[in-house]
């Protein structure tokens, strides 16, 4: 899945450089708006995060001993 995310980030960067609409040999080409691509990236990252509900939890050992061991 990380390759899909990096591919999407690359496409967003490519779209930022290219014009939104252009014409080649009489054919008009229109790409998706950048805000829509960013919303898609946010949606996919939230979807990946929700697959593992325990990913946000950390396990730590708490020691209640004083400075002396």
Protein backbone atom coordinates (compact mmCIF):
# COMPACT_ATOMS: atom_id res chain seq x y z
CA UNK A 1 0.00 0.00 0.00
CA UNK A 2 2.85 2.40 0.59
CA UNK A 3 3.70 2.28 -3.12
CA UNK A 4 0.15 3.39 -3.93
CA UNK A 5 0.51 6.34 -1.57
CA UNK A 6 3.84 7.37 -3.04
CA UNK A 7 2.42 7.03 -6.57
CA UNK A 8 -0.48 9.30 -5.62
CA UNK A 9 1.90 11.86 -4.11
CA UNK A 10 3.96 11.81 -7.32
CA UNK A 11 0.83 12.34 -9.41
CA UNK A 12 -0.24 15.29 -7.24
CA UNK A 13 3.18 16.89 -7.73
CA UNK A 14 3.02 16.28 -11.50
CA UNK A 15 -0.46 17.83 -11.69
CA UNK A 16 0.75 20.90 -9.78
CA UNK A 17 3.27 21.60 -12.54
CA UNK A 18 1.00 20.88 -15.52
CA UNK A 19 -1.80 23.16 -16.72
CA UNK A 20 -5.30 22.09 -15.74
CA UNK A 21 -6.60 22.19 -19.31
CA UNK A 22 -4.71 22.11 -22.61
CA UNK A 23 -5.23 21.25 -26.27
CA UNK A 24 -3.14 18.86 -28.37
CA UNK A 25 -3.85 18.32 -32.09
CA UNK A 26 -7.40 19.61 -31.73
CA UNK A 27 -8.20 17.42 -28.72
CA UNK A 28 -8.87 19.14 -25.43
CA UNK A 29 -7.46 17.45 -22.35
CA UNK A 30 -8.63 18.34 -18.87
CA UNK A 31 -7.08 16.89 -15.72
CA UNK A 32 -8.56 16.52 -12.26
CA UNK A 33 -8.25 19.59 -10.02
CA UNK A 34 -5.46 19.48 -7.44
CA UNK A 35 -7.81 20.02 -4.43
CA UNK A 36 -9.71 16.88 -5.46
CA UNK A 37 -6.46 14.91 -5.62
CA UNK A 38 -5.47 16.17 -2.16
CA UNK A 39 -8.88 15.18 -0.75
CA UNK A 40 -8.43 11.72 -2.28
CA UNK A 41 -4.99 11.40 -0.67
CA UNK A 42 -6.43 12.39 2.74
CA UNK A 43 -9.30 9.94 2.35
CA UNK A 44 -6.98 7.06 1.45
CA UNK A 45 -4.65 7.81 4.37
CA UNK A 46 -7.60 7.83 6.79
CA UNK A 47 -8.83 4.57 5.31
CA UNK A 48 -5.40 2.94 5.80
CA UNK A 49 -5.24 4.22 9.38
CA UNK A 50 -8.69 2.85 10.23
CA UNK A 51 -7.78 -0.68 9.15
CA UNK A 52 -5.71 -1.23 12.30
CA UNK A 53 -7.52 0.24 15.33
CA UNK A 54 -4.61 -0.67 17.64
CA UNK A 55 -2.01 1.24 15.62
CA UNK A 56 -2.45 4.39 17.73
CA UNK A 57 -1.88 2.60 21.02
CA UNK A 58 1.55 2.14 22.55
CA UNK A 59 2.46 -0.34 25.25
CA UNK A 60 4.77 0.96 27.96
CA UNK A 61 6.07 -0.48 31.19
CA UNK A 62 5.60 1.82 34.16
CA UNK A 63 8.07 1.46 36.98
CA UNK A 64 7.01 2.90 40.35
CA UNK A 65 10.39 2.37 41.99
CA UNK A 66 12.20 5.39 43.36
CA UNK A 67 15.66 6.51 42.32
CA UNK A 68 17.18 3.59 44.26
CA UNK A 69 17.20 0.20 42.60
